[in-house]
Amino acid sequence: MIFQNPDNIGNLHNYTALCDKLRENGVISVINADILSLAIVKPPGEMGADIACGNVQRFGLPMAFGGPHPGYFAVKDRFKRKMPGRIIGVSKDADGDVAIRMTL
C-alpha cells in the first residue's frame, strides 16, 4: 500500500499503526514523503514503512529548468537486493569522501 505524507490537502500523519497492521497482514507499505516535512514529522522508517520515496526537487533544480530532478528511494534491508539500479560512478563529496552515484 502506498500513501503520502503530507496528504493531498497538506495534513501530516503518523502512519505507525497502519504500517504495523499492514505488516501483520503481509502487505508492503510505501510512504511517499515530502523531504522537507521530515524535519518535523517522524520519518517513514521509524513509522515502520518498508519503502520510503519522494521528490527532493525543492533542494535541486527549479521545475522550469527542465530537469533532471532529484529524488530519494530507500528500503528496509530485506528489500535492498530487489531494488532496481546500477552504479554509474564514483566521485568525491565536498569533504573529499567517496560518494557513489546510482541511477534507478
Protein backbone atom coordinates (compact mmCIF):
# COMPACT_ATOMS: atom_id res chain seq x y z
CA MET A 1 0.00 0.00 0.00
CA ILE A 2 1.33 3.43 -0.87
CA PHE A 3 0.38 6.61 0.90
CA GLN A 4 1.81 10.10 1.04
CA ASN A 5 2.81 12.41 3.83
CA PRO A 6 1.68 15.17 3.85
CA ASP A 7 -1.57 14.06 2.23
CA ASN A 8 -3.27 15.70 -0.76
CA ILE A 9 -4.58 18.60 1.34
CA GLY A 10 -1.41 19.14 3.37
CA ASN A 11 -2.22 17.25 6.57
CA LEU A 12 0.65 15.42 8.26
CA HIS A 13 0.03 11.91 9.61
CA ASN A 14 1.69 9.33 11.81
CA TYR A 15 1.26 6.06 9.90
CA THR A 16 2.91 3.84 12.55
CA ALA A 17 -0.26 1.92 13.45
CA LEU A 18 -1.19 1.48 9.79
CA CYS A 19 2.30 0.16 8.90
CA ASP A 20 2.11 -2.29 11.82
CA LYS A 21 -1.30 -3.56 10.67
CA LEU A 22 -0.12 -3.92 7.07
CA ARG A 23 2.98 -5.87 8.16
CA GLU A 24 0.80 -8.22 10.27
CA ASN A 25 -1.19 -8.98 7.13
CA GLY A 26 1.80 -9.41 4.81
CA VAL A 27 1.29 -6.15 2.93
CA ILE A 28 4.27 -4.00 1.93
CA SER A 29 3.97 -0.35 2.98
CA VAL A 30 5.35 2.54 0.97
CA ILE A 31 5.39 6.12 2.20
CA ASN A 32 5.95 8.87 -0.35
CA ALA A 33 7.10 11.69 1.93
CA ASP A 34 7.98 15.27 1.18
CA ILE A 35 11.63 15.60 2.17
CA LEU A 36 11.19 18.92 3.97
CA SER A 37 8.29 17.59 6.06
CA LEU A 38 10.69 15.04 7.56
CA ALA A 39 12.26 17.88 9.55
CA ILE A 40 9.14 17.99 11.75
CA VAL A 41 7.48 14.55 11.48
CA LYS A 42 8.52 11.00 12.25
CA PRO A 43 10.46 9.58 9.26
CA PRO A 44 8.91 6.72 7.24
CA GLY A 45 11.44 4.17 8.53
CA GLU A 46 10.56 4.96 12.14
CA MET A 47 6.88 4.58 11.26
CA GLY A 48 7.64 1.06 10.02
CA ALA A 49 7.36 1.68 6.29
CA ASP A 50 9.07 -0.93 4.13
CA ILE A 51 9.85 1.59 1.40
CA ALA A 52 10.28 5.36 1.50
CA CYS A 53 10.49 7.53 -1.58
CA GLY A 54 9.90 11.07 -2.67
CA ASN A 55 10.89 14.05 -4.69
CA VAL A 56 13.63 16.34 -3.45
CA GLN A 57 13.27 18.82 -6.28
CA ARG A 58 12.88 21.63 -3.74
CA PHE A 59 16.61 21.16 -2.98
CA GLY A 60 17.60 20.85 -6.64
CA LEU A 61 16.81 22.45 -9.95
CA PRO A 62 13.66 24.53 -10.41
CA MET A 63 10.88 22.70 -12.29
CA ALA A 64 11.04 25.24 -15.13
CA PHE A 65 14.71 24.37 -15.71
CA GLY A 66 13.76 21.08 -17.34
CA GLY A 67 15.47 18.51 -15.10
CA PRO A 68 16.86 16.13 -14.18
CA HIS A 69 15.18 16.36 -10.82
CA PRO A 70 16.49 14.56 -7.75
CA GLY A 71 14.55 12.08 -5.68
CA TYR A 72 15.14 9.55 -2.95
CA PHE A 73 14.32 5.86 -2.62
CA ALA A 74 15.08 3.81 0.49
CA VAL A 75 14.11 0.29 1.53
CA LYS A 76 14.38 -1.97 4.56
CA ASP A 77 17.31 -4.42 4.45
CA ARG A 78 15.14 -7.32 3.28
CA PHE A 79 14.35 -5.44 0.03
CA LYS A 80 17.76 -3.99 -0.81
CA ARG A 81 18.70 -6.79 -3.25
CA LYS A 82 15.40 -6.32 -5.08
CA MET A 83 15.94 -2.63 -5.81
CA PRO A 84 16.37 -1.83 -9.48
CA GLY A 85 19.51 0.10 -10.24
CA ARG A 86 23.11 0.12 -11.22
CA ILE A 87 26.13 2.05 -10.02
CA ILE A 88 27.11 4.62 -12.61
CA GLY A 89 30.02 6.36 -10.99
CA VAL A 90 32.22 7.15 -8.05
CA SER A 91 33.08 10.70 -7.11
CA LYS A 92 34.08 12.71 -4.04
CA ASP A 93 31.82 14.92 -1.96
CA ALA A 94 32.67 18.39 -0.64
CA ASP A 95 34.60 16.84 2.27
CA GLY A 96 36.67 14.62 -0.01
CA ASP A 97 34.80 11.45 0.99
CA VAL A 98 33.94 8.85 -1.65
CA ALA A 99 30.40 9.24 -3.00
CA ILE A 100 28.72 6.61 -5.13
CA ARG A 101 26.08 7.81 -7.58
CA MET A 102 23.32 5.40 -8.51
CA THR A 103 20.52 5.56 -11.01
CA LEU A 104 17.30 3.60 -10.87
